[in-house]
Protein backbone atom coordinates (compact mmCIF):
# COMPACT_ATOMS: atom_id res chain seq x y z
CA UNK A 1 16.89 5.10 -1.29
CA UNK A 2 16.38 4.17 -5.04
CA UNK A 3 12.89 4.75 -6.47
CA UNK A 4 11.53 2.58 -9.07
CA UNK A 5 9.04 3.59 -11.61
CA UNK A 6 6.38 0.77 -12.69
CA UNK A 7 3.66 1.86 -15.56
CA UNK A 8 0.43 -0.02 -14.87
CA UNK A 9 -1.65 0.44 -17.90
CA UNK A 10 -4.99 -1.55 -16.22
CA UNK A 11 -6.32 -3.20 -13.53
CA UNK A 12 -4.64 -6.64 -14.28
CA UNK A 13 -1.17 -4.71 -13.90
CA UNK A 14 -2.15 -3.14 -10.56
CA UNK A 15 -3.42 -6.69 -9.55
CA UNK A 16 0.31 -8.58 -10.62
CA UNK A 17 2.20 -5.54 -8.81
CA UNK A 18 0.06 -6.32 -5.81
CA UNK A 19 0.71 -10.33 -5.91
CA UNK A 20 4.40 -9.17 -5.99
CA UNK A 21 4.41 -7.24 -3.08
CA UNK A 22 2.20 -9.97 -1.28
CA UNK A 23 5.03 -12.61 -1.71
CA UNK A 24 7.09 -12.64 1.66
CA UNK A 25 4.78 -10.14 3.77
CA UNK A 26 5.58 -10.67 6.88
CA UNK A 27 4.96 -9.07 10.79
CA UNK A 28 6.34 -5.43 11.05
CA UNK A 29 6.21 -4.78 6.99
CA UNK A 30 4.67 -1.28 6.54
CA UNK A 31 3.23 -0.37 2.79
CA UNK A 32 2.43 3.13 2.96
CA UNK A 33 0.42 4.21 -0.46
CA UNK A 34 -0.03 7.66 -1.62
CA UNK A 35 -1.50 9.94 -4.50
CA UNK A 36 -4.23 11.63 -5.66
CA UNK A 37 -8.18 10.40 -5.08
CA UNK A 38 -8.48 7.91 -7.65
CA UNK A 39 -4.53 7.16 -8.32
CA UNK A 40 -5.54 3.41 -7.86
CA UNK A 41 -4.67 3.24 -3.57
CA UNK A 42 -7.31 1.01 -2.48
CA UNK A 43 -6.94 -1.11 -5.66
CA UNK A 44 -3.42 -1.92 -4.63
CA UNK A 45 -4.40 -2.47 -1.43
CA UNK A 46 -7.35 -4.78 -2.64
CA UNK A 47 -4.54 -7.13 -4.58
CA UNK A 48 -1.79 -7.62 -2.02
CA UNK A 49 -4.83 -8.64 0.55
CA UNK A 50 -6.38 -10.80 -1.84
CA UNK A 51 -2.68 -12.14 -3.30
CA UNK A 52 -1.82 -12.43 0.97
CA UNK A 53 -4.94 -14.36 1.14
CA UNK A 54 -7.07 -15.95 -1.12
CA UNK A 55 -9.39 -16.40 0.98
CA UNK A 56 -10.55 -13.27 0.97
CA UNK A 57 -12.99 -12.23 -1.35
CA UNK A 58 -14.44 -9.22 0.15
CA UNK A 59 -12.10 -6.83 0.54
CA UNK A 60 -14.31 -3.13 1.71
CA UNK A 61 -12.04 0.24 1.56
CA UNK A 62 -11.70 1.39 4.96
CA UNK A 63 -12.37 4.60 3.69
CA UNK A 64 -14.93 4.76 6.78
CA UNK A 65 -14.29 2.51 9.64
CA UNK A 66 -10.80 3.38 9.17
CA UNK A 67 -9.13 -0.02 9.40
CA UNK A 68 -10.11 -3.61 8.21
CA UNK A 69 -8.37 -6.50 9.35
CA UNK A 70 -7.29 -9.47 7.65
CA UNK A 71 -4.44 -12.13 7.64
CA UNK A 72 -1.96 -13.90 6.11
CA UNK A 73 -1.91 -17.71 5.28
CA UNK A 74 0.28 -18.16 8.34
CA UNK A 75 -2.03 -16.10 10.94
CA UNK A 76 -0.42 -12.76 11.03
CA UNK A 77 -2.69 -9.79 10.95
CA UNK A 78 -2.84 -7.66 7.97
CA UNK A 79 -4.42 -4.60 8.68
CA UNK A 80 -5.57 -2.10 5.82
CA UNK A 81 -5.64 1.45 7.00
CA UNK A 82 -7.35 3.97 4.92
CA UNK A 83 -6.30 7.78 7.26
CA UNK A 84 -8.16 10.04 4.79
CA UNK A 85 -10.45 10.83 7.40
CA UNK A 86 -8.42 11.37 10.45
CA UNK A 87 -7.67 14.91 12.35
CA UNK A 88 -4.45 14.55 13.83
CA UNK A 89 -1.93 12.33 13.85
CA UNK A 90 -2.22 10.95 17.57
CA UNK A 91 -5.85 10.11 16.12
CA UNK A 92 -4.56 7.57 13.73
CA UNK A 93 -1.92 5.85 16.68
CA UNK A 94 -5.27 5.69 19.06
CA UNK A 95 -6.26 2.41 16.55
CA UNK A 96 -3.30 0.98 18.14
CA UNK A 97 -0.72 1.29 15.43
CA UNK A 98 2.28 0.79 17.56
CA UNK A 99 1.88 -2.82 18.04
CA UNK A 100 0.46 -3.03 14.56
CA UNK A 101 3.57 -1.71 13.52
CA UNK A 102 5.56 -4.75 15.16
CA UNK A 103 3.21 -7.59 15.38
CA UNK A 104 0.81 -6.85 12.19
CA UNK A 105 1.41 -6.21 8.18
CA UNK A 106 0.58 -2.53 7.69
CA UNK A 107 -1.24 -1.25 4.37
CA UNK A 108 -1.47 2.62 4.69
CA UNK A 109 -3.43 4.75 2.38
CA UNK A 110 -3.03 8.69 3.02
CA UNK A 111 -0.10 7.80 5.32
CA UNK A 112 0.92 11.75 5.18
CA UNK A 113 -1.46 12.19 7.81
CA UNK A 114 0.94 10.04 10.15
CA UNK A 115 3.59 12.80 9.79
CA UNK A 116 6.58 11.63 11.48
CA UNK A 117 5.24 8.83 13.35
CA UNK A 118 5.70 6.78 10.03
CA UNK A 119 8.38 4.13 10.39
CA UNK A 120 11.06 4.96 8.29
CA UNK A 121 11.33 1.13 7.53
CA UNK A 122 8.11 0.95 5.15
CA UNK A 123 8.02 0.98 1.90
CA UNK A 124 6.73 3.91 -0.24
CA UNK A 125 4.48 3.36 -2.88
CA UNK A 126 3.17 6.93 -4.63
CA UNK A 127 0.29 6.14 -7.15
CA UNK A 128 -0.60 8.71 -10.04
CA UNK A 129 -2.40 9.15 -12.86
CA UNK A 130 -0.39 9.83 -16.82
CA UNK A 131 -0.53 13.24 -17.42
CA UNK A 132 -2.54 14.08 -14.30
CA UNK A 133 -3.85 18.05 -13.84
CA UNK A 134 -3.24 19.69 -10.77
CA UNK A 135 -6.80 18.32 -9.75
CA UNK A 136 -5.53 14.63 -10.23
CA UNK A 137 -7.98 14.47 -13.32
CA UNK A 138 -6.61 12.70 -16.54
CA UNK A 139 -7.33 11.78 -19.87
CA UNK A 140 -5.64 8.54 -19.57
CA UNK A 141 -6.31 5.47 -17.45
CA UNK A 142 -2.44 4.85 -17.32
CA UNK A 143 -0.89 4.83 -13.66
CA UNK A 144 2.37 5.04 -12.29
CA UNK A 145 3.70 3.58 -9.06
CA UNK A 146 7.15 5.39 -8.38
CA UNK A 147 8.46 2.28 -5.66
CA UNK A 148 10.93 3.84 -2.32
CA UNK A 149 12.01 0.67 -0.85
CA UNK A 150 14.38 0.80 2.27
CA UNK A 151 17.52 -1.63 2.52
CA UNK A 152 15.70 -4.50 3.89
CA UNK A 153 13.05 -4.95 1.05
CA UNK A 154 16.13 -5.01 -1.61
CA UNK A 155 16.08 -8.92 -2.02
CA UNK A 156 12.24 -8.65 -2.78
CA UNK A 157 12.64 -5.60 -4.90
CA UNK A 158 15.29 -7.14 -7.08
CA UNK A 159 12.29 -10.19 -7.90
CA UNK A 160 10.08 -7.51 -8.73
CA UNK A 161 12.07 -5.85 -11.43
CA UNK A 162 13.12 -9.22 -12.73
CA UNK A 163 9.18 -9.91 -13.00
CA UNK A 164 7.95 -6.65 -14.48
CA UNK A 165 11.20 -5.57 -16.20
């Protein structure tokens, strides 16, 4: 699968990417957001959620609740998950992810906690800071997003490339 690298120099750039990703979301779409602490996973998830449903003005991080649910404009459920605190992939699946992977849109922070249980059709976004050291610290606010897209995302990725390129 091809990888698209985007520079996200500030929050408005992250919000623009979120808006582009929100366009066309449908049940069964899974977006995995990986990267070190502070890389912008929650900011991107928040931007996607608010672009998908502008009525959602309060979009907290699900760090402690593990999952927050929202709706797309057409009523499709949207799950925002933060799996940082789970102990095992089975713990995550007990949240009802089997059904959510089919019936909802899922935004998953810390997808590595699911290991092999993550659908192979997910859009993978790895966020990281420019010039970050091994601990994830950086003197720059510039972030990058490496996006790996499965084939069924091809048309949406082409639109993202056209609007960001």
